[in-house]
N, C-alpha and C. Protein backbone atom coordinates (compact mmCIF):
# COMPACT_ATOMS: atom_id res chain seq x y z
N MET A 1 -70.62 -16.14 8.93
CA MET A 1 -70.38 -17.25 8.43
C MET A 1 -69.16 -17.85 7.53
N LYS A 2 -69.03 -16.80 5.99
CA LYS A 2 -68.37 -16.84 5.36
C LYS A 2 -66.38 -16.70 6.17
N GLN A 3 -66.34 -15.64 6.75
CA GLN A 3 -65.50 -15.59 7.43
C GLN A 3 -65.00 -16.80 8.62
N GLY A 4 -65.73 -17.75 8.86
CA GLY A 4 -65.29 -19.07 9.49
C GLY A 4 -64.71 -20.32 8.34
N ARG A 5 -65.29 -19.96 7.57
CA ARG A 5 -64.72 -20.59 6.39
C ARG A 5 -63.09 -20.77 5.58
N LEU A 6 -63.28 -18.72 5.49
CA LEU A 6 -61.84 -18.67 5.07
C LEU A 6 -61.23 -18.93 6.17
N LEU A 7 -61.05 -18.81 7.42
CA LEU A 7 -60.20 -19.10 8.62
C LEU A 7 -60.13 -20.28 8.63
N VAL A 8 -61.02 -21.54 8.32
CA VAL A 8 -60.39 -22.99 8.48
C VAL A 8 -59.57 -22.80 7.31
N ALA A 9 -59.76 -22.82 5.70
CA ALA A 9 -58.82 -22.62 4.83
C ALA A 9 -57.57 -21.76 5.00
N ALA A 10 -57.48 -20.93 5.89
CA ALA A 10 -55.71 -20.29 5.85
C ALA A 10 -55.40 -21.29 6.77
N LEU A 11 -56.04 -21.76 7.98
CA LEU A 11 -55.31 -22.65 9.11
C LEU A 11 -55.00 -24.01 8.30
N LEU A 12 -55.93 -24.93 7.52
CA LEU A 12 -55.52 -25.92 6.58
C LEU A 12 -54.13 -25.45 5.61
N LEU A 13 -54.23 -24.56 4.94
CA LEU A 13 -53.26 -24.39 3.96
C LEU A 13 -51.85 -23.93 4.56
N ALA A 14 -52.08 -23.38 5.98
CA ALA A 14 -50.49 -23.22 6.67
C ALA A 14 -50.03 -24.39 7.15
N THR A 15 -51.12 -25.43 7.28
CA THR A 15 -50.71 -26.52 8.16
C THR A 15 -49.84 -27.58 7.14
N LEU A 16 -50.96 -27.57 6.15
CA LEU A 16 -49.54 -28.10 4.11
C LEU A 16 -49.04 -27.60 4.14
N ALA A 17 -48.44 -26.27 4.85
CA ALA A 17 -47.12 -25.52 4.22
C ALA A 17 -46.42 -26.48 4.80
N GLY A 18 -46.46 -26.35 6.28
CA GLY A 18 -45.86 -26.46 7.42
C GLY A 18 -45.12 -28.01 7.21
N LEU A 19 -46.11 -28.81 6.81
CA LEU A 19 -45.98 -30.27 6.74
C LEU A 19 -44.68 -30.18 5.34
N PHE A 20 -45.32 -29.16 4.35
CA PHE A 20 -44.13 -29.82 3.30
C PHE A 20 -42.91 -29.49 3.46
N TRP A 21 -42.88 -28.53 4.41
CA TRP A 21 -41.28 -27.93 4.80
C TRP A 21 -40.69 -28.79 5.36
N TRP A 22 -41.40 -29.69 6.40
CA TRP A 22 -40.86 -30.33 7.77
C TRP A 22 -40.14 -31.62 6.52
N SER A 23 -41.04 -31.93 5.97
CA SER A 23 -41.13 -33.27 4.82
C SER A 23 -39.49 -33.14 4.20
N ASN A 24 -39.63 -31.63 3.47
CA ASN A 24 -38.10 -31.61 2.79
C ASN A 24 -36.83 -31.13 3.48
N LYS A 25 -37.14 -31.02 4.84
CA LYS A 25 -36.17 -30.94 5.49
C LYS A 25 -36.10 -31.60 6.14
N LYS A 26 -36.65 -32.87 6.20
CA LYS A 26 -35.92 -34.49 6.83
C LYS A 26 -35.38 -35.06 6.08
N GLU A 27 -35.92 -35.09 4.21
CA GLU A 27 -35.12 -35.51 3.23
C GLU A 27 -34.30 -35.35 3.08
N ALA A 28 -33.50 -33.89 3.42
CA ALA A 28 -32.48 -33.20 2.99
C ALA A 28 -31.29 -33.65 4.04
N SER A 29 -31.89 -33.97 5.24
CA SER A 29 -31.00 -34.10 6.46
C SER A 29 -30.95 -35.49 6.03
N ALA A 30 -31.49 -36.54 5.72
CA ALA A 30 -31.35 -37.72 5.43
C ALA A 30 -30.38 -38.29 4.49
N MET A 31 -30.39 -37.31 3.74
CA MET A 31 -29.31 -37.75 2.09
C MET A 31 -28.20 -37.17 2.55
N LYS A 32 -27.67 -36.13 3.56
CA LYS A 32 -26.55 -36.06 4.13
C LYS A 32 -25.61 -37.06 4.57
N ALA A 33 -24.45 -37.65 4.42
CA ALA A 33 -23.69 -38.48 4.66
C ALA A 33 -23.86 -38.25 5.88
N PRO A 34 -23.50 -39.45 6.62
CA PRO A 34 -23.49 -39.84 8.71
C PRO A 34 -22.21 -39.39 8.92
N PRO A 35 -22.11 -38.75 9.83
CA PRO A 35 -20.87 -38.44 10.26
C PRO A 35 -19.85 -39.86 10.89
N THR A 36 -18.45 -39.17 10.39
CA THR A 36 -17.56 -40.53 10.43
C THR A 36 -17.01 -40.10 12.14
N PRO A 37 -17.03 -41.52 12.63
CA PRO A 37 -16.38 -41.17 14.08
C PRO A 37 -15.57 -41.25 13.97
N ALA A 38 -15.68 -40.95 15.44
CA ALA A 38 -14.11 -40.23 15.51
C ALA A 38 -13.24 -41.21 16.39
N THR A 39 -11.80 -42.46 15.94
CA THR A 39 -11.26 -43.34 16.45
C THR A 39 -10.76 -42.84 17.56
N THR A 40 -10.88 -43.85 18.43
CA THR A 40 -10.48 -43.88 19.98
C THR A 40 -9.05 -44.90 20.38
N LYS A 41 -8.04 -44.53 20.83
CA LYS A 41 -6.82 -44.95 21.25
C LYS A 41 -6.76 -45.42 21.87
N ILE A 42 -6.91 -46.94 21.99
CA ILE A 42 -7.07 -47.62 23.34
C ILE A 42 -6.55 -47.86 24.58
N LEU A 43 -4.70 -48.52 23.46
CA LEU A 43 -3.52 -48.48 24.36
C LEU A 43 -2.46 -48.22 23.32
N GLU A 44 -1.68 -47.72 23.66
CA GLU A 44 -0.37 -47.25 23.05
C GLU A 44 0.88 -47.59 23.98
N VAL A 45 1.90 -48.75 23.03
CA VAL A 45 2.97 -48.93 23.55
C VAL A 45 4.04 -48.64 22.38
N PRO A 46 4.98 -48.36 23.20
CA PRO A 46 6.20 -47.79 21.95
C PRO A 46 6.78 -49.43 21.26
N GLN A 47 7.25 -49.00 19.98
CA GLN A 47 7.55 -49.94 19.34
C GLN A 47 8.45 -50.85 19.45
N ASP A 48 9.24 -50.05 20.76
CA ASP A 48 10.53 -50.45 21.14
C ASP A 48 10.32 -51.78 22.41
N GLN A 49 8.90 -51.92 22.80
CA GLN A 49 9.11 -52.53 24.17
C GLN A 49 7.52 -53.93 23.15
N ILE A 50 7.82 -53.96 22.20
CA ILE A 50 6.60 -54.87 21.59
C ILE A 50 7.79 -56.08 21.23
N GLN A 51 7.53 -57.69 21.80
CA GLN A 51 8.52 -58.58 21.23
C GLN A 51 7.50 -59.53 20.75
N SER A 52 6.24 -59.80 20.93
CA SER A 52 5.79 -60.93 20.19
C SER A 52 4.12 -60.41 20.66
N LEU A 53 3.37 -60.59 19.46
CA LEU A 53 2.02 -60.50 19.98
C LEU A 53 0.93 -61.93 19.48
N THR A 54 -0.49 -62.12 20.50
CA THR A 54 -0.75 -63.41 20.11
C THR A 54 -2.34 -62.75 19.91
N ILE A 55 -3.08 -63.14 19.03
CA ILE A 55 -4.42 -62.99 19.05
C ILE A 55 -5.47 -64.17 18.86
N GLU A 56 -6.10 -64.40 19.44
CA GLU A 56 -7.20 -65.29 20.19
C GLU A 56 -8.24 -65.14 19.70
N LYS A 57 -9.30 -65.70 18.79
CA LYS A 57 -10.34 -65.65 18.74
C LYS A 57 -11.19 -67.00 19.11
N ALA A 58 -12.12 -66.82 19.72
CA ALA A 58 -13.27 -67.86 20.41
C ALA A 58 -13.37 -68.94 18.86
N GLY A 59 -13.46 -70.55 18.50
CA GLY A 59 -13.61 -70.60 17.69
C GLY A 59 -12.59 -70.99 16.97
N SER A 60 -11.55 -70.79 16.82
CA SER A 60 -10.68 -70.18 15.65
C SER A 60 -9.15 -70.37 16.36
N ASP A 61 -8.72 -70.60 15.14
CA ASP A 61 -6.83 -70.85 15.86
C ASP A 61 -6.42 -69.48 16.21
N SER A 62 -5.52 -69.66 16.61
CA SER A 62 -5.14 -68.17 17.03
C SER A 62 -4.15 -67.76 16.60
N LEU A 63 -3.07 -66.75 16.11
CA LEU A 63 -2.60 -65.70 15.50
C LEU A 63 -1.08 -65.85 16.55
N HIS A 64 -0.10 -66.09 16.35
CA HIS A 64 1.31 -65.23 16.60
C HIS A 64 2.01 -64.71 16.08
N VAL A 65 2.42 -63.67 16.40
CA VAL A 65 3.18 -62.74 15.94
C VAL A 65 4.46 -62.39 16.38
N ARG A 66 5.94 -62.56 15.92
CA ARG A 66 6.98 -62.42 16.61
C ARG A 66 7.74 -61.24 16.08
N HIS A 67 8.50 -60.25 16.74
CA HIS A 67 9.30 -59.73 16.14
C HIS A 67 10.48 -60.18 15.91
N ALA A 68 11.30 -59.53 14.32
CA ALA A 68 12.26 -60.28 14.23
C ALA A 68 13.47 -59.49 15.12
N GLN A 69 14.68 -60.97 14.95
CA GLN A 69 15.99 -60.14 15.75
C GLN A 69 16.44 -58.55 15.33
N ARG A 70 16.41 -58.09 16.77
CA ARG A 70 16.84 -56.76 16.29
C ARG A 70 18.41 -56.07 15.97
N ARG A 71 19.26 -55.38 15.62
CA ARG A 71 20.78 -55.38 15.81
C ARG A 71 21.09 -54.75 16.88
């Protein structure tokens, strides 16, 4: 009878120790800075081929940019 209680107490202690370890591990991973995502290049156009650029957004004015005359 006493061995049964000792076994239950040991299992309870092991469970609590495991939960304590897991919670500390989870906190440590939450405190780390999130990884910075790598930027993805969508389009690459050589600079000498760009003459003008127009940016349009719904509900606002469009933005027109022209390259100055080259020599």
